[in-house]
PDB file of all heavy atoms in Angstrom:
ATOM      1  N   PRO A   1      -8.655  -9.153  -8.486  1.00  0.00           N
ATOM      2  CA  PRO A   1      -7.285  -9.294  -8.972  1.00  0.00           C
ATOM      3  C   PRO A   1      -6.466 -10.163  -8.017  1.00  0.00           C
ATOM      4  O   PRO A   1      -6.647 -10.094  -6.793  1.00  0.00           O
ATOM      5  CB  PRO A   1      -6.765  -7.855  -8.997  1.00  0.00           C
ATOM      6  CG  PRO A   1      -7.986  -6.995  -9.030  1.00  0.00           C
ATOM      7  CD  PRO A   1      -9.030  -7.739  -8.277  1.00  0.00           C
ATOM      8  N   VAL A   2      -5.565 -10.955  -8.548  1.00  0.00           N
ATOM      9  CA  VAL A   2      -4.769 -11.865  -7.723  1.00  0.00           C
ATOM     10  C   VAL A   2      -4.000 -11.102  -6.654  1.00  0.00           C
ATOM     11  O   VAL A   2      -3.892 -11.548  -5.506  1.00  0.00           O
ATOM     12  CB  VAL A   2      -3.800 -12.700  -8.597  1.00  0.00           C
ATOM     13  CG1 VAL A   2      -2.884 -13.558  -7.712  1.00  0.00           C
ATOM     14  CG2 VAL A   2      -4.583 -13.586  -9.550  1.00  0.00           C
ATOM     15  N   THR A   3      -3.483  -9.949  -7.002  1.00  0.00           N
ATOM     16  CA  THR A   3      -2.679  -9.174  -6.048  1.00  0.00           C
ATOM     17  C   THR A   3      -3.532  -8.349  -5.092  1.00  0.00           C
ATOM     18  O   THR A   3      -3.011  -7.758  -4.157  1.00  0.00           O
ATOM     19  CB  THR A   3      -1.716  -8.218  -6.777  1.00  0.00           C
ATOM     20  OG1 THR A   3      -2.476  -7.418  -7.690  1.00  0.00           O
ATOM     21  CG2 THR A   3      -0.649  -8.985  -7.529  1.00  0.00           C
ATOM     22  N   GLY A   4      -4.843  -8.310  -5.334  1.00  0.00           N
ATOM     23  CA  GLY A   4      -5.723  -7.483  -4.509  1.00  0.00           C
ATOM     24  C   GLY A   4      -6.111  -6.212  -5.236  1.00  0.00           C
ATOM     25  O   GLY A   4      -5.444  -5.771  -6.179  1.00  0.00           O
ATOM     26  N   TYR A   5      -7.211  -5.604  -4.812  1.00  0.00           N
ATOM     27  CA  TYR A   5      -7.672  -4.366  -5.447  1.00  0.00           C
ATOM     28  C   TYR A   5      -6.640  -3.257  -5.269  1.00  0.00           C
ATOM     29  O   TYR A   5      -6.019  -3.121  -4.199  1.00  0.00           O
ATOM     30  CB  TYR A   5      -9.009  -3.930  -4.857  1.00  0.00           C
ATOM     31  CG  TYR A   5     -10.184  -4.711  -5.390  1.00  0.00           C
ATOM     32  CD1 TYR A   5     -10.898  -5.561  -4.562  1.00  0.00           C
ATOM     33  CD2 TYR A   5     -10.566  -4.594  -6.732  1.00  0.00           C
ATOM     34  CE1 TYR A   5     -11.983  -6.291  -5.057  1.00  0.00           C
ATOM     35  CE2 TYR A   5     -11.638  -5.317  -7.239  1.00  0.00           C
ATOM     36  CZ  TYR A   5     -12.343  -6.172  -6.395  1.00  0.00           C
ATOM     37  OH  TYR A   5     -13.401  -6.895  -6.886  1.00  0.00           O
ATOM     38  N   LEU A   6      -6.490  -2.460  -6.321  1.00  0.00           N
ATOM     39  CA  LEU A   6      -5.533  -1.352  -6.287  1.00  0.00           C
ATOM     40  C   LEU A   6      -5.833  -0.406  -5.135  1.00  0.00           C
ATOM     41  O   LEU A   6      -4.920   0.091  -4.475  1.00  0.00           O
ATOM     42  CB  LEU A   6      -5.555  -0.604  -7.617  1.00  0.00           C
ATOM     43  CG  LEU A   6      -4.637   0.619  -7.717  1.00  0.00           C
ATOM     44  CD1 LEU A   6      -3.179   0.225  -7.514  1.00  0.00           C
ATOM     45  CD2 LEU A   6      -4.829   1.311  -9.081  1.00  0.00           C
ATOM     46  N   SER A   7      -7.117  -0.149  -4.878  1.00  0.00           N
ATOM     47  CA  SER A   7      -7.483   0.782  -3.806  1.00  0.00           C
ATOM     48  C   SER A   7      -6.984   0.292  -2.447  1.00  0.00           C
ATOM     49  O   SER A   7      -6.513   1.095  -1.622  1.00  0.00           O
ATOM     50  CB  SER A   7      -9.001   0.973  -3.763  1.00  0.00           C
ATOM     51  OG  SER A   7      -9.662  -0.277  -3.595  1.00  0.00           O
ATOM     52  N   LEU A   8      -7.068  -1.018  -2.207  1.00  0.00           N
ATOM     53  CA  LEU A   8      -6.593  -1.567  -0.936  1.00  0.00           C
ATOM     54  C   LEU A   8      -5.076  -1.541  -0.872  1.00  0.00           C
ATOM     55  O   LEU A   8      -4.494  -1.179   0.157  1.00  0.00           O
ATOM     56  CB  LEU A   8      -7.113  -2.995  -0.740  1.00  0.00           C
ATOM     57  CG  LEU A   8      -6.630  -3.712   0.521  1.00  0.00           C
ATOM     58  CD1 LEU A   8      -6.949  -2.913   1.786  1.00  0.00           C
ATOM     59  CD2 LEU A   8      -7.229  -5.117   0.613  1.00  0.00           C
ATOM     60  N   ARG A   9      -4.429  -1.889  -1.970  1.00  0.00           N
ATOM     61  CA  ARG A   9      -2.960  -1.849  -1.971  1.00  0.00           C
ATOM     62  C   ARG A   9      -2.451  -0.427  -1.772  1.00  0.00           C
ATOM     63  O   ARG A   9      -1.433  -0.210  -1.104  1.00  0.00           O
ATOM     64  CB  ARG A   9      -2.416  -2.470  -3.263  1.00  0.00           C
ATOM     65  CG  ARG A   9      -2.562  -3.983  -3.288  1.00  0.00           C
ATOM     66  CD  ARG A   9      -1.940  -4.627  -4.520  1.00  0.00           C
ATOM     67  NE  ARG A   9      -2.756  -4.416  -5.698  1.00  0.00           N
ATOM     68  CZ  ARG A   9      -2.337  -3.875  -6.837  1.00  0.00           C
ATOM     69  NH1 ARG A   9      -1.084  -3.448  -6.939  1.00  0.00           N
ATOM     70  NH2 ARG A   9      -3.144  -3.741  -7.859  1.00  0.00           N
ATOM     71  N   GLN A  10      -3.179   0.546  -2.306  1.00  0.00           N
ATOM     72  CA  GLN A  10      -2.792   1.946  -2.090  1.00  0.00           C
ATOM     73  C   GLN A  10      -2.985   2.326  -0.623  1.00  0.00           C
ATOM     74  O   GLN A  10      -2.147   3.032  -0.039  1.00  0.00           O
ATOM     75  CB  GLN A  10      -3.618   2.864  -2.981  1.00  0.00           C
ATOM     76  CG  GLN A  10      -3.220   4.339  -2.881  1.00  0.00           C
ATOM     77  CD  GLN A  10      -1.791   4.589  -3.299  1.00  0.00           C
ATOM     78  OE1 GLN A  10      -1.398   4.278  -4.425  1.00  0.00           O
ATOM     79  NE2 GLN A  10      -0.972   5.134  -2.385  1.00  0.00           N
ATOM     80  N   ALA A  11      -4.065   1.842  -0.014  1.00  0.00           N
ATOM     81  CA  ALA A  11      -4.306   2.129   1.405  1.00  0.00           C
ATOM     82  C   ALA A  11      -3.216   1.506   2.272  1.00  0.00           C
ATOM     83  O   ALA A  11      -2.783   2.097   3.271  1.00  0.00           O
ATOM     84  CB  ALA A  11      -5.679   1.606   1.819  1.00  0.00           C
ATOM     85  N   ILE A  12      -2.755   0.324   1.898  1.00  0.00           N
ATOM     86  CA  ILE A  12      -1.665  -0.334   2.636  1.00  0.00           C
ATOM     87  C   ILE A  12      -0.367   0.447   2.446  1.00  0.00           C
ATOM     88  O   ILE A  12       0.402   0.656   3.398  1.00  0.00           O
ATOM     89  CB  ILE A  12      -1.520  -1.789   2.174  1.00  0.00           C
ATOM     90  CG1 ILE A  12      -2.760  -2.601   2.582  1.00  0.00           C
ATOM     91  CG2 ILE A  12      -0.255  -2.422   2.758  1.00  0.00           C
ATOM     92  CD1 ILE A  12      -2.853  -3.962   1.918  1.00  0.00           C
ATOM     93  N   SER A  13      -0.128   0.905   1.215  1.00  0.00           N
ATOM     94  CA  SER A  13       1.057   1.729   0.944  1.00  0.00           C
ATOM     95  C   SER A  13       1.027   2.996   1.792  1.00  0.00           C
ATOM     96  O   SER A  13       2.049   3.390   2.386  1.00  0.00           O
ATOM     97  CB  SER A  13       1.106   2.085  -0.544  1.00  0.00           C
ATOM     98  OG  SER A  13       2.121   3.035  -0.808  1.00  0.00           O
ATOM     99  N   ASP A  14      -0.143   3.631   1.871  1.00  0.00           N
ATOM    100  CA  ASP A  14      -0.291   4.846   2.677  1.00  0.00           C
ATOM    101  C   ASP A  14      -0.050   4.546   4.153  1.00  0.00           C
ATOM    102  O   ASP A  14       0.573   5.337   4.870  1.00  0.00           O
ATOM    103  CB  ASP A  14      -1.689   5.436   2.490  1.00  0.00           C
ATOM    104  CG  ASP A  14      -1.931   5.950   1.081  1.00  0.00           C
ATOM    105  OD1 ASP A  14      -0.952   6.152   0.343  1.00  0.00           O
ATOM    106  OD2 ASP A  14      -3.111   6.112   0.715  1.00  0.00           O
ATOM    107  N   LYS A  15      -0.563   3.421   4.626  1.00  0.00           N
ATOM    108  CA  LYS A  15      -0.372   3.020   6.025  1.00  0.00           C
ATOM    109  C   LYS A  15       1.110   2.814   6.338  1.00  0.00           C
ATOM    110  O   LYS A  15       1.611   3.258   7.380  1.00  0.00           O
ATOM    111  CB  LYS A  15      -1.158   1.731   6.313  1.00  0.00           C
ATOM    112  CG  LYS A  15      -0.809   1.040   7.649  1.00  0.00           C
ATOM    113  CD  LYS A  15       0.105  -0.169   7.371  1.00  0.00           C
ATOM    114  CE  LYS A  15       0.458  -0.940   8.612  1.00  0.00           C
ATOM    115  NZ  LYS A  15       1.312  -0.249   9.578  1.00  0.00           N
ATOM    116  N   LEU A  16       1.836   2.160   5.421  1.00  0.00           N
ATOM    117  CA  LEU A  16       3.267   1.917   5.634  1.00  0.00           C
ATOM    118  C   LEU A  16       4.042   3.234   5.695  1.00  0.00           C
ATOM    119  O   LEU A  16       4.967   3.385   6.500  1.00  0.00           O
ATOM    120  CB  LEU A  16       3.814   1.019   4.523  1.00  0.00           C
ATOM    121  CG  LEU A  16       3.422  -0.460   4.618  1.00  0.00           C
ATOM    122  CD1 LEU A  16       3.646  -1.173   3.285  1.00  0.00           C
ATOM    123  CD2 LEU A  16       4.220  -1.150   5.723  1.00  0.00           C
ATOM    124  N   ALA A  17       3.657   4.191   4.856  1.00  0.00           N
ATOM    125  CA  ALA A  17       4.319   5.495   4.870  1.00  0.00           C
ATOM    126  C   ALA A  17       3.981   6.263   6.144  1.00  0.00           C
ATOM    127  O   ALA A  17       4.859   6.866   6.781  1.00  0.00           O
ATOM    128  CB  ALA A  17       3.912   6.293   3.640  1.00  0.00           C
ATOM    129  N   ARG A  18       2.713   6.225   6.509  1.00  0.00           N
ATOM    130  CA  ARG A  18       2.230   7.015   7.650  1.00  0.00           C
ATOM    131  C   ARG A  18       2.717   6.455   8.989  1.00  0.00           C
ATOM    132  O   ARG A  18       3.182   7.198   9.865  1.00  0.00           O
ATOM    133  CB  ARG A  18       0.699   7.024   7.610  1.00  0.00           C
ATOM    134  CG  ARG A  18       0.029   7.810   8.727  1.00  0.00           C
ATOM    135  CD  ARG A  18      -1.479   7.809   8.556  1.00  0.00           C
ATOM    136  NE  ARG A  18      -2.073   6.470   8.706  1.00  0.00           N
ATOM    137  CZ  ARG A  18      -2.617   5.778   7.709  1.00  0.00           C
ATOM    138  NH1 ARG A  18      -2.630   6.269   6.474  1.00  0.00           N
ATOM    139  NH2 ARG A  18      -3.132   4.571   7.928  1.00  0.00           N
ATOM    140  N   GLU A  19       2.619   5.163   9.168  1.00  0.00           N
ATOM    141  CA  GLU A  19       2.896   4.553  10.465  1.00  0.00           C
ATOM    142  C   GLU A  19       4.305   3.994  10.597  1.00  0.00           C
ATOM    143  O   GLU A  19       4.851   3.949  11.704  1.00  0.00           O
ATOM    144  CB  GLU A  19       1.894   3.423  10.740  1.00  0.00           C
ATOM    145  CG  GLU A  19       0.459   3.908  10.842  1.00  0.00           C
ATOM    146  CD  GLU A  19      -0.516   2.789  11.163  1.00  0.00           C
ATOM    147  OE1 GLU A  19      -0.087   1.608  11.195  1.00  0.00           O
ATOM    148  OE2 GLU A  19      -1.697   3.081  11.382  1.00  0.00           O
ATOM    149  N   ASN A  20       4.889   3.540   9.484  1.00  0.00           N
ATOM    150  CA  ASN A  20       6.190   2.868   9.558  1.00  0.00           C
ATOM    151  C   ASN A  20       7.314   3.646   8.896  1.00  0.00           C
ATOM    152  O   ASN A  20       8.466   3.226   8.955  1.00  0.00           O
ATOM    153  CB  ASN A  20       6.090   1.482   8.914  1.00  0.00           C
ATOM    154  CG  ASN A  20       4.950   0.657   9.483  1.00  0.00           C
ATOM    155  OD1 ASN A  20       3.865   0.627   8.915  1.00  0.00           O
ATOM    156  ND2 ASN A  20       5.178   0.001  10.609  1.00  0.00           N
ATOM    157  N   HIS A  21       6.956   4.766   8.255  1.00  0.00           N
ATOM    158  CA  HIS A  21       7.940   5.604   7.551  1.00  0.00           C
ATOM    159  C   HIS A  21       8.701   4.794   6.505  1.00  0.00           C
ATOM    160  O   HIS A  21       9.912   4.959   6.324  1.00  0.00           O
ATOM    161  CB  HIS A  21       8.910   6.250   8.550  1.00  0.00           C
ATOM    162  CG  HIS A  21       8.224   6.903   9.714  1.00  0.00           C
ATOM    163  ND1 HIS A  21       7.249   7.860   9.570  1.00  0.00           N
ATOM    164  CD2 HIS A  21       8.354   6.711  11.055  1.00  0.00           C
ATOM    165  CE1 HIS A  21       6.817   8.246  10.767  1.00  0.00           C
ATOM    166  NE2 HIS A  21       7.457   7.557  11.684  1.00  0.00           N
ATOM    167  N   LEU A  22       7.959   3.912   5.816  1.00  0.00           N
ATOM    168  CA  LEU A  22       8.524   3.080   4.764  1.00  0.00           C
ATOM    169  C   LEU A  22       7.770   3.346   3.465  1.00  0.00           C
ATOM    170  O   LEU A  22       6.546   3.454   3.461  1.00  0.00           O
ATOM    171  CB  LEU A  22       8.407   1.595   5.124  1.00  0.00           C
ATOM    172  CG  LEU A  22       9.253   1.113   6.301  1.00  0.00           C
ATOM    173  CD1 LEU A  22       8.846  -0.296   6.725  1.00  0.00           C
ATOM    174  CD2 LEU A  22      10.738   1.145   5.933  1.00  0.00           C
ATOM    175  N   THR A  23       8.507   3.440   2.364  1.00  0.00           N
ATOM    176  CA  THR A  23       7.912   3.745   1.069  1.00  0.00           C
ATOM    177  C   THR A  23       7.809   2.480   0.217  1.00  0.00           C
ATOM    178  O   THR A  23       8.830   1.872  -0.133  1.00  0.00           O
ATOM    179  CB  THR A  23       8.736   4.800   0.315  1.00  0.00           C
ATOM    180  OG1 THR A  23       8.819   5.983   1.111  1.00  0.00           O
ATOM    181  CG2 THR A  23       8.096   5.126  -1.023  1.00  0.00           C
ATOM    182  N   TYR A  24       6.587   2.075  -0.077  1.00  0.00           N
ATOM    183  CA  TYR A  24       6.324   0.934  -0.958  1.00  0.00           C
ATOM    184  C   TYR A  24       5.309   1.350  -2.010  1.00  0.00           C
ATOM    185  O   TYR A  24       4.280   1.950  -1.681  1.00  0.00           O
ATOM    186  CB  TYR A  24       5.756  -0.256  -0.176  1.00  0.00           C
ATOM    187  CG  TYR A  24       6.768  -0.999   0.660  1.00  0.00           C
ATOM    188  CD1 TYR A  24       7.026  -0.617   1.976  1.00  0.00           C
ATOM    189  CD2 TYR A  24       7.473  -2.079   0.136  1.00  0.00           C
ATOM    190  CE1 TYR A  24       7.949  -1.294   2.751  1.00  0.00           C
ATOM    191  CE2 TYR A  24       8.400  -2.771   0.911  1.00  0.00           C
ATOM    192  CZ  TYR A  24       8.631  -2.372   2.212  1.00  0.00           C
ATOM    193  OH  TYR A  24       9.558  -3.042   2.972  1.00  0.00           O
ATOM    194  N   SER A  25       5.581   1.032  -3.264  1.00  0.00           N
ATOM    195  CA  SER A  25       4.601   1.267  -4.320  1.00  0.00           C
ATOM    196  C   SER A  25       3.550   0.164  -4.276  1.00  0.00           C
ATOM    197  O   SER A  25       3.747  -0.875  -3.629  1.00  0.00           O
ATOM    198  CB  SER A  25       5.277   1.272  -5.693  1.00  0.00           C
ATOM    199  OG  SER A  25       5.642  -0.055  -6.067  1.00  0.00           O
ATOM    200  N   THR A  26       2.441   0.372  -4.958  1.00  0.00           N
ATOM    201  CA  THR A  26       1.402  -0.658  -4.987  1.00  0.00           C
ATOM    202  C   THR A  26       1.889  -1.930  -5.680  1.00  0.00           C
ATOM    203  O   THR A  26       1.351  -3.011  -5.428  1.00  0.00           O
ATOM    204  CB  THR A  26       0.142  -0.135  -5.691  1.00  0.00           C
ATOM    205  OG1 THR A  26       0.490   0.343  -6.996  1.00  0.00           O
ATOM    206  CG2 THR A  26      -0.498   0.986  -4.886  1.00  0.00           C
ATOM    207  N   LYS A  27       2.901  -1.807  -6.529  1.00  0.00           N
ATOM    208  CA  LYS A  27       3.462  -2.990  -7.195  1.00  0.00           C
ATOM    209  C   LYS A  27       4.314  -3.836  -6.239  1.00  0.00           C
ATOM    210  O   LYS A  27       4.674  -4.970  -6.569  1.00  0.00           O
ATOM    211  CB  LYS A  27       4.306  -2.565  -8.395  1.00  0.00           C
ATOM    212  CG  LYS A  27       3.506  -1.953  -9.530  1.00  0.00           C
ATOM    213  CD  LYS A  27       4.409  -1.573 -10.692  1.00  0.00           C
ATOM    214  CE  LYS A  27       3.603  -0.967 -11.845  1.00  0.00           C
ATOM    215  NZ  LYS A  27       4.479  -0.570 -12.981  1.00  0.00           N
TER     216      LYS A  27
END
């Protein structure tokens, strides 16, 4: 997918929440 696999985008979203205390959806 052009935006990247959903599983990776979810992992990045989780990382942002866990490490940076920032909430981003996969979109």
